[in-house]
Each structure stands twice: as structure tokens, then as C-alpha cells.
PDB file of N, CA and C in Angstrom:
ATOM      1  N   MET A   1      19.294 -16.749 -18.559  1.00  0.00           N
ATOM      2  CA  MET A   1      18.189 -15.892 -19.251  1.00  0.00           C
ATOM      3  C   MET A   1      18.828 -15.108 -20.130  1.00  0.00           C
ATOM      4  N   THR A   2      18.218 -14.975 -21.223  1.00  0.00           N
ATOM      5  CA  THR A   2      18.826 -13.967 -22.313  1.00  0.00           C
ATOM      6  C   THR A   2      18.352 -12.660 -21.970  1.00  0.00           C
ATOM      7  N   PRO A   3      18.943 -11.616 -22.508  1.00  0.00           N
ATOM      8  CA  PRO A   3      18.679 -10.150 -22.092  1.00  0.00           C
ATOM      9  C   PRO A   3      17.370  -9.759 -22.693  1.00  0.00           C
ATOM     10  N   SER A   4      16.944 -10.446 -23.828  1.00  0.00           N
ATOM     11  CA  SER A   4      15.712 -10.051 -24.582  1.00  0.00           C
ATOM     12  C   SER A   4      14.554 -10.681 -23.604  1.00  0.00           C
ATOM     13  N   VAL A   5      14.698 -11.911 -23.195  1.00  0.00           N
ATOM     14  CA  VAL A   5      13.741 -12.594 -22.244  1.00  0.00           C
ATOM     15  C   VAL A   5      13.585 -11.747 -20.859  1.00  0.00           C
ATOM     16  N   ARG A   6      14.663 -11.396 -20.387  1.00  0.00           N
ATOM     17  CA  ARG A   6      14.677 -10.595 -19.194  1.00  0.00           C
ATOM     18  C   ARG A   6      13.962  -9.265 -19.369  1.00  0.00           C
ATOM     19  N   GLY A   7      14.071  -8.715 -20.572  1.00  0.00           N
ATOM     20  CA  GLY A   7      13.548  -7.471 -20.758  1.00  0.00           C
ATOM     21  C   GLY A   7      12.074  -7.437 -20.814  1.00  0.00           C
ATOM     22  N   LEU A   8      11.538  -8.709 -21.689  1.00  0.00           N
ATOM     23  CA  LEU A   8      10.239  -8.953 -21.828  1.00  0.00           C
ATOM     24  C   LEU A   8       9.491  -9.243 -20.555  1.00  0.00           C
ATOM     25  N   MET A   9      10.331 -10.022 -19.624  1.00  0.00           N
ATOM     26  CA  MET A   9       9.592 -10.236 -18.292  1.00  0.00           C
ATOM     27  C   MET A   9       9.425  -8.917 -17.544  1.00  0.00           C
ATOM     28  N   LEU A  10      10.424  -8.052 -17.592  1.00  0.00           N
ATOM     29  CA  LEU A  10      10.463  -6.890 -16.792  1.00  0.00           C
ATOM     30  C   LEU A  10       9.260  -5.948 -17.302  1.00  0.00           C
ATOM     31  N   GLY A  11       9.295  -5.840 -18.706  1.00  0.00           N
ATOM     32  CA  GLY A  11       8.099  -5.251 -19.312  1.00  0.00           C
ATOM     33  C   GLY A  11       6.715  -5.565 -18.875  1.00  0.00           C
ATOM     34  N   ALA A  12       6.545  -6.933 -18.935  1.00  0.00           N
ATOM     35  CA  ALA A  12       5.270  -7.531 -18.502  1.00  0.00           C
ATOM     36  C   ALA A  12       4.932  -7.393 -17.125  1.00  0.00           C
ATOM     37  N   LEU A  13       5.930  -7.261 -16.206  1.00  0.00           N
ATOM     38  CA  LEU A  13       5.893  -6.999 -14.718  1.00  0.00           C
ATOM     39  C   LEU A  13       5.511  -5.608 -14.636  1.00  0.00           C
ATOM     40  N   GLY A  14       6.070  -4.573 -15.506  1.00  0.00           N
ATOM     41  CA  GLY A  14       5.664  -3.091 -15.323  1.00  0.00           C
ATOM     42  C   GLY A  14       4.257  -3.022 -15.798  1.00  0.00           C
ATOM     43  N   VAL A  15       3.670  -3.724 -16.718  1.00  0.00           N
ATOM     44  CA  VAL A  15       2.424  -3.303 -17.350  1.00  0.00           C
ATOM     45  C   VAL A  15       1.382  -4.069 -16.404  1.00  0.00           C
ATOM     46  N   LEU A  16       1.887  -5.238 -15.569  1.00  0.00           N
ATOM     47  CA  LEU A  16       0.847  -5.616 -14.608  1.00  0.00           C
ATOM     48  C   LEU A  16       0.772  -4.683 -13.314  1.00  0.00           C
ATOM     49  N   ILE A  17       1.897  -4.160 -13.051  1.00  0.00           N
ATOM     50  CA  ILE A  17       1.918  -3.375 -11.834  1.00  0.00           C
ATOM     51  C   ILE A  17       1.222  -2.122 -12.189  1.00  0.00           C
ATOM     52  N   PHE A  18       1.302  -1.516 -13.402  1.00  0.00           N
ATOM     53  CA  PHE A  18       0.522  -0.286 -13.785  1.00  0.00           C
ATOM     54  C   PHE A  18      -0.931  -0.530 -14.005  1.00  0.00           C
ATOM     55  N   SER A  19      -1.186  -1.718 -14.392  1.00  0.00           N
ATOM     56  CA  SER A  19      -2.838  -2.107 -14.478  1.00  0.00           C
ATOM     57  C   SER A  19      -3.362  -2.201 -13.150  1.00  0.00           C
ATOM     58  N   LEU A  20      -2.715  -2.218 -12.139  1.00  0.00           N
ATOM     59  CA  LEU A  20      -3.315  -2.283 -10.746  1.00  0.00           C
ATOM     60  C   LEU A  20      -3.300  -0.892 -10.150  1.00  0.00           C
ATOM     61  N   THR A  21      -2.773   0.152 -10.717  1.00  0.00           N
ATOM     62  CA  THR A  21      -2.703   1.455 -10.084  1.00  0.00           C
ATOM     63  C   THR A  21      -4.163   2.006 -10.007  1.00  0.00           C
ATOM     64  N   MET A  22      -5.000   1.800 -11.058  1.00  0.00           N
ATOM     65  CA  MET A  22      -6.274   2.517 -10.872  1.00  0.00           C
ATOM     66  C   MET A  22      -7.109   1.759  -9.874  1.00  0.00           C
ATOM     67  N   PRO A  23      -7.474   0.442  -9.819  1.00  0.00           N
ATOM     68  CA  PRO A  23      -8.195  -0.141  -8.826  1.00  0.00           C
ATOM     69  C   PRO A  23      -7.652   0.326  -7.400  1.00  0.00           C
ATOM     70  N   ILE A  24      -6.365   0.231  -7.122  1.00  0.00           N
ATOM     71  CA  ILE A  24      -5.748   0.486  -5.982  1.00  0.00           C
ATOM     72  C   ILE A  24      -5.972   1.996  -5.482  1.00  0.00           C
ATOM     73  N   THR A  25      -5.923   2.838  -6.421  1.00  0.00           N
ATOM     74  CA  THR A  25      -6.264   4.304  -6.238  1.00  0.00           C
ATOM     75  C   THR A  25      -7.573   4.509  -5.784  1.00  0.00           C
ATOM     76  N   LYS A  26      -8.557   3.751  -6.671  1.00  0.00           N
ATOM     77  CA  LYS A  26      -9.788   3.935  -6.195  1.00  0.00           C
ATOM     78  C   LYS A  26     -10.144   3.450  -4.695  1.00  0.00           C
ATOM     79  N   ILE A  27      -9.440   2.414  -4.376  1.00  0.00           N
ATOM     80  CA  ILE A  27      -9.617   1.807  -3.138  1.00  0.00           C
ATOM     81  C   ILE A  27      -9.111   2.732  -2.048  1.00  0.00           C
ATOM     82  N   ALA A  28      -8.065   3.480  -2.358  1.00  0.00           N
ATOM     83  CA  ALA A  28      -7.348   4.405  -1.398  1.00  0.00           C
ATOM     84  C   ALA A  28      -8.153   5.596  -1.203  1.00  0.00           C
ATOM     85  N   LEU A  29      -8.865   6.135  -2.248  1.00  0.00           N
ATOM     86  CA  LEU A  29      -9.694   7.217  -2.198  1.00  0.00           C
ATOM     87  C   LEU A  29     -11.094   6.984  -1.709  1.00  0.00           C
ATOM     88  N   SER A  30     -11.560   5.634  -1.585  1.00  0.00           N
ATOM     89  CA  SER A  30     -12.815   5.476  -1.235  1.00  0.00           C
ATOM     90  C   SER A  30     -13.440   5.982   0.150  1.00  0.00           C
ATOM     91  N   GLY A  31     -12.566   5.994   1.041  1.00  0.00           N
ATOM     92  CA  GLY A  31     -12.849   6.511   2.339  1.00  0.00           C
ATOM     93  C   GLY A  31     -12.027   7.970   2.493  1.00  0.00           C
ATOM     94  N   ASP A  32     -12.257   8.527   3.630  1.00  0.00           N
ATOM     95  CA  ASP A  32     -11.807   9.802   3.624  1.00  0.00           C
ATOM     96  C   ASP A  32     -10.430   9.836   4.410  1.00  0.00           C
ATOM     97  N   VAL A  33      -9.714   8.646   4.341  1.00  0.00           N
ATOM     98  CA  VAL A  33      -8.398   8.548   5.008  1.00  0.00           C
ATOM     99  C   VAL A  33      -7.310   9.332   4.361  1.00  0.00           C
ATOM    100  N   MET A  34      -7.286   9.130   3.042  1.00  0.00           N
ATOM    101  CA  MET A  34      -6.101   9.809   2.151  1.00  0.00           C
ATOM    102  C   MET A  34      -6.781  10.568   1.180  1.00  0.00           C
ATOM    103  N   SER A  35      -6.027  11.779   0.915  1.00  0.00           N
ATOM    104  CA  SER A  35      -6.324  12.783  -0.074  1.00  0.00           C
ATOM    105  C   SER A  35      -5.785  12.291  -1.422  1.00  0.00           C
ATOM    106  N   ALA A  36      -6.291  12.682  -2.513  1.00  0.00           N
ATOM    107  CA  ALA A  36      -5.756  12.532  -3.789  1.00  0.00           C
ATOM    108  C   ALA A  36      -4.420  12.819  -3.922  1.00  0.00           C
ATOM    109  N   TRP A  37      -3.962  14.023  -3.224  1.00  0.00           N
ATOM    110  CA  TRP A  37      -2.599  14.471  -3.531  1.00  0.00           C
ATOM    111  C   TRP A  37      -1.635  13.576  -2.731  1.00  0.00           C
ATOM    112  N   PHE A  38      -2.086  13.074  -1.711  1.00  0.00           N
ATOM    113  CA  PHE A  38      -1.277  12.035  -0.832  1.00  0.00           C
ATOM    114  C   PHE A  38      -0.972  10.702  -1.527  1.00  0.00           C
ATOM    115  N   VAL A  39      -2.031  10.403  -2.326  1.00  0.00           N
ATOM    116  CA  VAL A  39      -1.997   9.297  -3.128  1.00  0.00           C
ATOM    117  C   VAL A  39      -1.135   9.339  -4.435  1.00  0.00           C
ATOM    118  N   TRP A  40      -1.268  10.649  -4.948  1.00  0.00           N
ATOM    119  CA  TRP A  40      -0.442  10.953  -6.223  1.00  0.00           C
ATOM    120  C   TRP A  40       1.075  11.043  -5.837  1.00  0.00           C
ATOM    121  N   ALA A  41       1.406  11.705  -4.768  1.00  0.00           N
ATOM    122  CA  ALA A  41       2.707  11.772  -4.395  1.00  0.00           C
ATOM    123  C   ALA A  41       3.277  10.448  -3.878  1.00  0.00           C
ATOM    124  N   GLY A  42       2.574   9.634  -3.156  1.00  0.00           N
ATOM    125  CA  GLY A  42       2.898   8.448  -2.675  1.00  0.00           C
ATOM    126  C   GLY A  42       3.353   7.356  -3.894  1.00  0.00           C
ATOM    127  N   ARG A  43       2.526   7.489  -4.965  1.00  0.00           N
ATOM    128  CA  ARG A  43       2.757   6.661  -6.072  1.00  0.00           C
ATOM    129  C   ARG A  43       4.088   7.059  -6.747  1.00  0.00           C
ATOM    130  N   ALA A  44       4.477   8.385  -6.692  1.00  0.00           N
ATOM    131  CA  ALA A  44       5.751   8.726  -7.258  1.00  0.00           C
ATOM    132  C   ALA A  44       6.882   8.273  -6.542  1.00  0.00           C
ATOM    133  N   VAL A  45       6.815   8.508  -5.073  1.00  0.00           N
ATOM    134  CA  VAL A  45       7.781   8.022  -4.219  1.00  0.00           C
ATOM    135  C   VAL A  45       8.067   6.584  -4.204  1.00  0.00           C
ATOM    136  N   LEU A  46       6.780   5.856  -4.224  1.00  0.00           N
ATOM    137  CA  LEU A  46       7.082   4.234  -4.293  1.00  0.00           C
ATOM    138  C   LEU A  46       7.820   3.854  -5.626  1.00  0.00           C
ATOM    139  N   ALA A  47       7.379   4.573  -6.736  1.00  0.00           N
ATOM    140  CA  ALA A  47       8.077   4.248  -8.001  1.00  0.00           C
ATOM    141  C   ALA A  47       9.493   4.562  -7.976  1.00  0.00           C
ATOM    142  N   ALA A  48      10.025   5.650  -7.252  1.00  0.00           N
ATOM    143  CA  ALA A  48      11.439   6.020  -7.159  1.00  0.00           C
ATOM    144  C   ALA A  48      12.072   4.814  -6.266  1.00  0.00           C
ATOM    145  N   PHE A  49      11.460   4.575  -5.320  1.00  0.00           N
ATOM    146  CA  PHE A  49      12.024   3.524  -4.132  1.00  0.00           C
ATOM    147  C   PHE A  49      12.271   2.145  -5.032  1.00  0.00           C
ATOM    148  N   ALA A  50      11.199   1.834  -5.807  1.00  0.00           N
ATOM    149  CA  ALA A  50      11.340   0.680  -6.763  1.00  0.00           C
ATOM    150  C   ALA A  50      12.527   0.687  -7.728  1.00  0.00           C
ATOM    151  N   GLY A  51      12.757   1.742  -8.303  1.00  0.00           N
ATOM    152  CA  GLY A  51      13.682   2.020  -9.299  1.00  0.00           C
ATOM    153  C   GLY A  51      15.166   1.920  -8.591  1.00  0.00           C
ATOM    154  N   ILE A  52      15.087   2.624  -7.645  1.00  0.00           N
ATOM    155  CA  ILE A  52      16.394   2.702  -6.739  1.00  0.00           C
ATOM    156  C   ILE A  52      16.807   1.193  -6.270  1.00  0.00           C
ATOM    157  N   ALA A  53      15.811   0.417  -5.747  1.00  0.00           N
ATOM    158  CA  ALA A  53      15.993  -0.934  -5.176  1.00  0.00           C
ATOM    159  C   ALA A  53      16.461  -1.706  -6.554  1.00  0.00           C
ATOM    160  N   TYR A  54      15.863  -1.735  -7.716  1.00  0.00           N
ATOM    161  CA  TYR A  54      16.212  -2.608  -8.724  1.00  0.00           C
ATOM    162  C   TYR A  54      17.696  -2.163  -9.142  1.00  0.00           C
ATOM    163  N   LEU A  55      17.906  -0.897  -9.232  1.00  0.00           N
ATOM    164  CA  LEU A  55      19.406  -0.610  -9.447  1.00  0.00           C
ATOM    165  C   LEU A  55      20.408  -1.031  -8.589  1.00  0.00           C
ATOM    166  N   LEU A  56      20.086  -0.953  -7.139  1.00  0.00           N
ATOM    167  CA  LEU A  56      21.083  -1.594  -6.145  1.00  0.00           C
ATOM    168  C   LEU A  56      21.102  -3.074  -6.370  1.00  0.00           C
ATOM    169  N   LEU A  57      20.072  -3.656  -6.457  1.00  0.00           N
ATOM    170  CA  LEU A  57      20.030  -5.140  -6.602  1.00  0.00           C
ATOM    171  C   LEU A  57      20.807  -5.739  -7.652  1.00  0.00           C
ATOM    172  N   THR A  58      20.743  -5.029  -8.825  1.00  0.00           N
ATOM    173  CA  THR A  58      21.423  -5.406 -10.150  1.00  0.00           C
ATOM    174  C   THR A  58      22.894  -4.862 -10.057  1.00  0.00           C
ATOM    175  N   LYS A  59      23.538  -4.057  -9.165  1.00  0.00           N
ATOM    176  CA  LYS A  59      24.525  -3.371  -9.006  1.00  0.00           C
ATOM    177  C   LYS A  59      25.105  -2.663 -10.370  1.00  0.00           C
ATOM    178  N   ARG A  60      24.103  -1.772 -10.745  1.00  0.00           N
ATOM    179  CA  ARG A  60      24.403  -0.945 -11.995  1.00  0.00           C
ATOM    180  C   ARG A  60      25.124   0.313 -11.360  1.00  0.00           C
ATOM    181  N   LYS A  61      25.887   0.602 -12.641  1.00  0.00           N
ATOM    182  CA  LYS A  61      26.791   1.870 -12.242  1.00  0.00           C
ATOM    183  C   LYS A  61      25.906   3.053 -12.413  1.00  0.00           C
ATOM    184  N   LEU A  62      26.276   4.168 -11.771  1.00  0.00           N
ATOM    185  CA  LEU A  62      25.571   5.520 -11.906  1.00  0.00           C
ATOM    186  C   LEU A  62      25.915   5.931 -13.296  1.00  0.00           C
ATOM    187  N   PRO A  63      24.854   6.710 -13.902  1.00  0.00           N
ATOM    188  CA  PRO A  63      25.045   7.253 -15.261  1.00  0.00           C
ATOM    189  C   PRO A  63      26.066   8.521 -15.277  1.00  0.00           C
ATOM    190  N   PRO A  64      26.777   8.592 -16.331  1.00  0.00           N
ATOM    191  CA  PRO A  64      27.804   9.717 -16.355  1.00  0.00           C
ATOM    192  C   PRO A  64      27.169  11.114 -15.866  1.00  0.00           C
ATOM    193  N   ARG A  65      27.889  11.837 -15.309  1.00  0.00           N
ATOM    194  CA  ARG A  65      27.513  13.138 -14.822  1.00  0.00           C
ATOM    195  C   ARG A  65      26.814  14.078 -15.818  1.00  0.00           C
ATOM    196  N   ALA A  66      27.193  13.966 -17.035  1.00  0.00           N
ATOM    197  CA  ALA A  66      26.531  14.743 -18.085  1.00  0.00           C
ATOM    198  C   ALA A  66      25.088  14.251 -18.242  1.00  0.00           C
ATOM    199  N   ALA A  67      24.681  13.043 -17.879  1.00  0.00           N
ATOM    200  CA  ALA A  67      23.401  12.594 -18.035  1.00  0.00           C
ATOM    201  C   ALA A  67      22.522  12.909 -16.865  1.00  0.00           C
ATOM    202  N   TRP A  68      23.051  13.482 -15.787  1.00  0.00           N
ATOM    203  CA  TRP A  68      22.033  13.651 -14.600  1.00  0.00           C
ATOM    204  C   TRP A  68      21.008  14.561 -14.795  1.00  0.00           C
ATOM    205  N   TRP A  69      21.449  15.815 -15.487  1.00  0.00           N
ATOM    206  CA  TRP A  69      20.348  17.012 -15.605  1.00  0.00           C
ATOM    207  C   TRP A  69      19.288  16.448 -16.515  1.00  0.00           C
ATOM    208  N   PRO A  70      19.587  15.785 -17.753  1.00  0.00           N
ATOM    209  CA  PRO A  70      18.374  15.141 -18.540  1.00  0.00           C
ATOM    210  C   PRO A  70      17.569  14.159 -17.720  1.00  0.00           C
ATOM    211  N   LEU A  71      18.370  13.517 -16.979  1.00  0.00           N
ATOM    212  CA  LEU A  71      17.404  12.442 -16.220  1.00  0.00           C
ATOM    213  C   LEU A  71      16.684  12.972 -15.090  1.00  0.00           C
ATOM    214  N   ILE A  72      17.118  14.088 -14.480  1.00  0.00           N
ATOM    215  CA  ILE A  72      16.382  14.942 -13.454  1.00  0.00           C
ATOM    216  C   ILE A  72      15.104  15.614 -14.264  1.00  0.00           C
ATOM    217  N   GLY A  73      15.361  16.145 -15.343  1.00  0.00           N
ATOM    218  CA  GLY A  73      14.280  16.775 -16.048  1.00  0.00           C
ATOM    219  C   GLY A  73      13.157  15.812 -16.408  1.00  0.00           C
ATOM    220  N   THR A  74      13.484  14.714 -17.042  1.00  0.00           N
ATOM    221  CA  THR A  74      12.605  13.592 -17.507  1.00  0.00           C
ATOM    222  C   THR A  74      11.938  13.132 -16.094  1.00  0.00           C
ATOM    223  N   ALA A  75      12.623  12.869 -14.990  1.00  0.00           N
ATOM    224  CA  ALA A  75      11.766  12.395 -13.815  1.00  0.00           C
ATOM    225  C   ALA A  75      10.879  13.363 -13.357  1.00  0.00           C
ATOM    226  N   ALA A  76      11.239  14.661 -13.398  1.00  0.00           N
ATOM    227  CA  ALA A  76      10.260  15.884 -12.978  1.00  0.00           C
ATOM    228  C   ALA A  76       9.112  15.885 -14.055  1.00  0.00           C
ATOM    229  N   GLY A  77       9.559  15.659 -15.113  1.00  0.00           N
ATOM    230  CA  GLY A  77       8.138  15.577 -16.268  1.00  0.00           C
ATOM    231  C   GLY A  77       7.344  14.307 -16.061  1.00  0.00           C
ATOM    232  N   VAL A  78       7.865  13.225 -15.673  1.00  0.00           N
ATOM    233  CA  VAL A  78       7.055  12.081 -15.441  1.00  0.00           C
ATOM    234  C   VAL A  78       6.092  12.177 -14.370  1.00  0.00           C
ATOM    235  N   VAL A  79       6.721  12.703 -13.107  1.00  0.00           N
ATOM    236  CA  VAL A  79       5.949  12.926 -12.023  1.00  0.00           C
ATOM    237  C   VAL A  79       5.012  14.038 -11.888  1.00  0.00           C
ATOM    238  N   PHE A  80       5.445  15.268 -12.533  1.00  0.00           N
ATOM    239  CA  PHE A  80       4.655  16.398 -12.616  1.00  0.00           C
ATOM    240  C   PHE A  80       3.927  16.644 -13.569  1.00  0.00           C
ATOM    241  N   GLY A  81       4.440  16.382 -14.894  1.00  0.00           N
ATOM    242  CA  GLY A  81       3.823  16.556 -16.101  1.00  0.00           C
ATOM    243  C   GLY A  81       3.694  17.750 -16.529  1.00  0.00           C
ATOM    244  N   PRO A  82       3.000  17.985 -17.572  1.00  0.00           N
ATOM    245  CA  PRO A  82       2.699  19.318 -18.212  1.00  0.00           C
ATOM    246  C   PRO A  82       1.479  19.728 -17.316  1.00  0.00           C
ATOM    247  N   ARG A  83       1.232  20.972 -17.585  1.00  0.00           N
ATOM    248  CA  ARG A  83       0.171  21.543 -16.869  1.00  0.00           C
ATOM    249  C   ARG A  83      -1.350  20.922 -16.806  1.00  0.00           C
ATOM    250  N   ARG A  84      -1.523  20.173 -18.085  1.00  0.00           N
ATOM    251  CA  ARG A  84      -2.774  19.618 -18.156  1.00  0.00           C
ATOM    252  C   ARG A  84      -2.535  18.031 -18.309  1.00  0.00           C
ATOM    253  N   SER A  85      -1.655  17.724 -17.585  1.00  0.00           N
ATOM    254  CA  SER A  85      -1.284  16.215 -17.470  1.00  0.00           C
ATOM    255  C   SER A  85      -2.669  15.472 -17.158  1.00  0.00           C
ATOM    256  N   ARG A  86      -2.499  14.335 -17.967  1.00  0.00           N
ATOM    257  CA  ARG A  86      -3.860  13.286 -17.566  1.00  0.00           C
ATOM    258  C   ARG A  86      -3.928  12.768 -16.192  1.00  0.00           C
ATOM    259  N   ASN A  87      -2.739  12.421 -15.618  1.00  0.00           N
ATOM    260  CA  ASN A  87      -2.797  11.982 -14.375  1.00  0.00           C
ATOM    261  C   ASN A  87      -2.958  12.995 -13.300  1.00  0.00           C
ATOM    262  N   LEU A  88      -2.510  14.205 -13.436  1.00  0.00           N
ATOM    263  CA  LEU A  88      -2.979  15.192 -12.389  1.00  0.00           C
ATOM    264  C   LEU A  88      -4.340  15.630 -12.605  1.00  0.00           C
ATOM    265  N   THR A  89      -4.853  15.782 -13.973  1.00  0.00           N
ATOM    266  CA  THR A  89      -6.315  16.018 -13.966  1.00  0.00           C
ATOM    267  C   THR A  89      -7.174  14.950 -13.496  1.00  0.00           C
ATOM    268  N   LEU A  90      -6.717  13.725 -13.568  1.00  0.00           N
ATOM    269  CA  LEU A  90      -7.314  12.701 -12.991  1.00  0.00           C
ATOM    270  C   LEU A  90      -7.605  12.641 -11.579  1.00  0.00           C
ATOM    271  N   PHE A  91      -6.332  13.089 -10.882  1.00  0.00           N
ATOM    272  CA  PHE A  91      -6.473  13.139  -9.399  1.00  0.00           C
ATOM    273  C   PHE A  91      -7.248  14.313  -8.975  1.00  0.00           C
ATOM    274  N   ARG A  92      -7.299  15.477  -9.727  1.00  0.00           N
ATOM    275  CA  ARG A  92      -7.956  16.590  -9.317  1.00  0.00           C
ATOM    276  C   ARG A  92      -9.503  16.180  -9.334  1.00  0.00           C
ATOM    277  N   SER A  93      -9.904  15.480 -10.421  1.00  0.00           N
ATOM    278  CA  SER A  93     -11.164  15.131 -10.650  1.00  0.00           C
ATOM    279  C   SER A  93     -11.733  14.073  -9.491  1.00  0.00           C
ATOM    280  N   LEU A  94     -10.882  13.229  -9.270  1.00  0.00           N
ATOM    281  CA  LEU A  94     -11.144  12.251  -7.961  1.00  0.00           C
ATOM    282  C   LEU A  94     -11.332  13.100  -6.667  1.00  0.00           C
ATOM    283  N   GLU A  95     -10.365  14.042  -6.413  1.00  0.00           N
ATOM    284  CA  GLU A  95     -10.458  14.876  -5.308  1.00  0.00           C
ATOM    285  C   GLU A  95     -11.844  15.578  -5.343  1.00  0.00           C
ATOM    286  N   ARG A  96     -12.247  16.204  -6.370  1.00  0.00           N
ATOM    287  CA  ARG A  96     -13.497  16.830  -6.473  1.00  0.00           C
ATOM    288  C   ARG A  96     -14.624  15.928  -6.224  1.00  0.00           C
ATOM    289  N   ILE A  97     -14.590  14.631  -6.564  1.00  0.00           N
ATOM    290  CA  ILE A  97     -15.726  13.717  -6.476  1.00  0.00           C
ATOM    291  C   ILE A  97     -15.686  13.318  -4.924  1.00  0.00           C
ATOM    292  N   GLN A  98     -14.628  13.372  -4.256  1.00  0.00           N
ATOM    293  CA  GLN A  98     -14.529  13.181  -2.779  1.00  0.00           C
ATOM    294  C   GLN A  98     -15.325  14.340  -2.122  1.00  0.00           C
ATOM    295  N   GLU A  99     -14.879  15.606  -2.468  1.00  0.00           N
ATOM    296  CA  GLU A  99     -15.560  16.727  -1.755  1.00  0.00           C
ATOM    297  C   GLU A  99     -16.954  16.759  -2.130  1.00  0.00           C
ATOM    298  N   MET A 100     -17.590  16.369  -3.347  1.00  0.00           N
ATOM    299  CA  MET A 100     -18.873  16.303  -3.674  1.00  0.00           C
ATOM    300  C   MET A 100     -19.690  15.334  -2.655  1.00  0.00           C
ATOM    301  N   ARG A 101     -19.089  14.152  -2.531  1.00  0.00           N
ATOM    302  CA  ARG A 101     -19.592  13.177  -1.607  1.00  0.00           C
ATOM    303  C   ARG A 101     -19.715  13.604  -0.341  1.00  0.00           C
ATOM    304  N   ARG A 102     -18.747  14.448   0.234  1.00  0.00           N
ATOM    305  CA  ARG A 102     -18.821  14.787   1.561  1.00  0.00           C
ATOM    306  C   ARG A 102     -19.914  15.805   1.806  1.00  0.00           C
ATOM    307  N   SER A 103     -19.950  16.678   0.767  1.00  0.00           N
ATOM    308  CA  SER A 103     -21.036  17.995   0.964  1.00  0.00           C
ATOM    309  C   SER A 103     -22.490  17.479   0.584  1.00  0.00           C
ATOM    310  N   ARG A 104     -22.650  16.577  -0.141  1.00  0.00           N
ATOM    311  CA  ARG A 104     -24.064  16.284  -0.418  1.00  0.00           C
ATOM    312  C   ARG A 104     -24.122  14.816  -0.390  1.00  0.00           C
ATOM    313  N   PRO A 105     -24.824  14.233   0.458  1.00  0.00           N
ATOM    314  CA  PRO A 105     -25.012  12.636   0.668  1.00  0.00           C
ATOM    315  C   PRO A 105     -25.809  12.142  -0.601  1.00  0.00           C
ATOM    316  N   SER A 106     -26.687  13.023  -1.146  1.00  0.00           N
ATOM    317  CA  SER A 106     -27.486  12.532  -2.356  1.00  0.00           C
ATOM    318  C   SER A 106     -26.707  12.525  -3.773  1.00  0.00           C
ATOM    319  N   ALA A 107     -25.502  12.966  -3.502  1.00  0.00           N
ATOM    320  CA  ALA A 107     -24.630  12.951  -4.817  1.00  0.00           C
ATOM    321  C   ALA A 107     -23.694  11.815  -4.953  1.00  0.00           C
ATOM    322  N   ARG A 108     -23.959  10.743  -4.122  1.00  0.00           N
ATOM    323  CA  ARG A 108     -22.949   9.767  -4.245  1.00  0.00           C
ATOM    324  C   ARG A 108     -23.042   8.847  -5.424  1.00  0.00           C
ATOM    325  N   CYS A 109     -21.862   8.479  -5.981  1.00  0.00           N
ATOM    326  CA  CYS A 109     -21.846   7.709  -7.119  1.00  0.00           C
ATOM    327  C   CYS A 109     -22.285   6.414  -7.051  1.00  0.00           C
ATOM    328  N   ARG A 110     -23.038   5.747  -7.967  1.00  0.00           N
ATOM    329  CA  ARG A 110     -23.437   4.330  -7.898  1.00  0.00           C
ATOM    330  C   ARG A 110     -22.240   3.481  -8.001  1.00  0.00           C
ATOM    331  N   GLN A 111     -22.213   2.277  -7.434  1.00  0.00           N
ATOM    332  CA  GLN A 111     -21.078   1.448  -7.522  1.00  0.00           C
ATOM    333  C   GLN A 111     -21.381  -0.039  -7.896  1.00  0.00           C
TER     334      GLN A 111
END
């Protein structure tokens, strides 16, 4: 398999996995079992484990030490994002919807 085909396949797999995050998040938040913050943190941890597993399976070398701080900064930015990040805003909104459903039965969203 050529590197370009492998890259295309990995990119397609990433798009497929990302496309499933919204329905899975909605399922996870539909009951009162998990909070939006737990789901948000869980997604970040699962993504980290998937990345580490891929790097270990492909036996990649660690990046040079000079690149560690920029990588840590990038990872923190991806997980936590700016203050008005779309993901964080989305999960705050979903958390508010859950609170609203619990407090007023008449405010349930139609599905």
C-alpha cells in the first residue's frame, strides 16, 4: 500500500469516526446517567488512547524534545480550545437542556 493511499484511508476513517460523535453524544446524554462534562472529557481521553495505540502499533519514534512543548500546547488547545470554543459551547448547551428537562417535564424536546 502506498503512503498516499494509506493516508487517504486513515483520513476517511477519521471522518467516519468523527461523523459518529454527535449521534453517540446524543445517545449518551439522553438519560440521566452521564453528564455532558463526563462525555466531553471521555472523548478527549479516548482520542488520546487511540492516538497512543496507533503510534505504538506502527512503532513510531518519539518526536524530538524541542517539539514536545508545541505538541502539548496544541493538544491542550484541541481539548480545551479557546473560551468560546464550539465544542465546549455545544456541551454546555446540551447540559442546560438536560437540566431543563429534569426541572420541567413540559419542556421536553420533541424527537
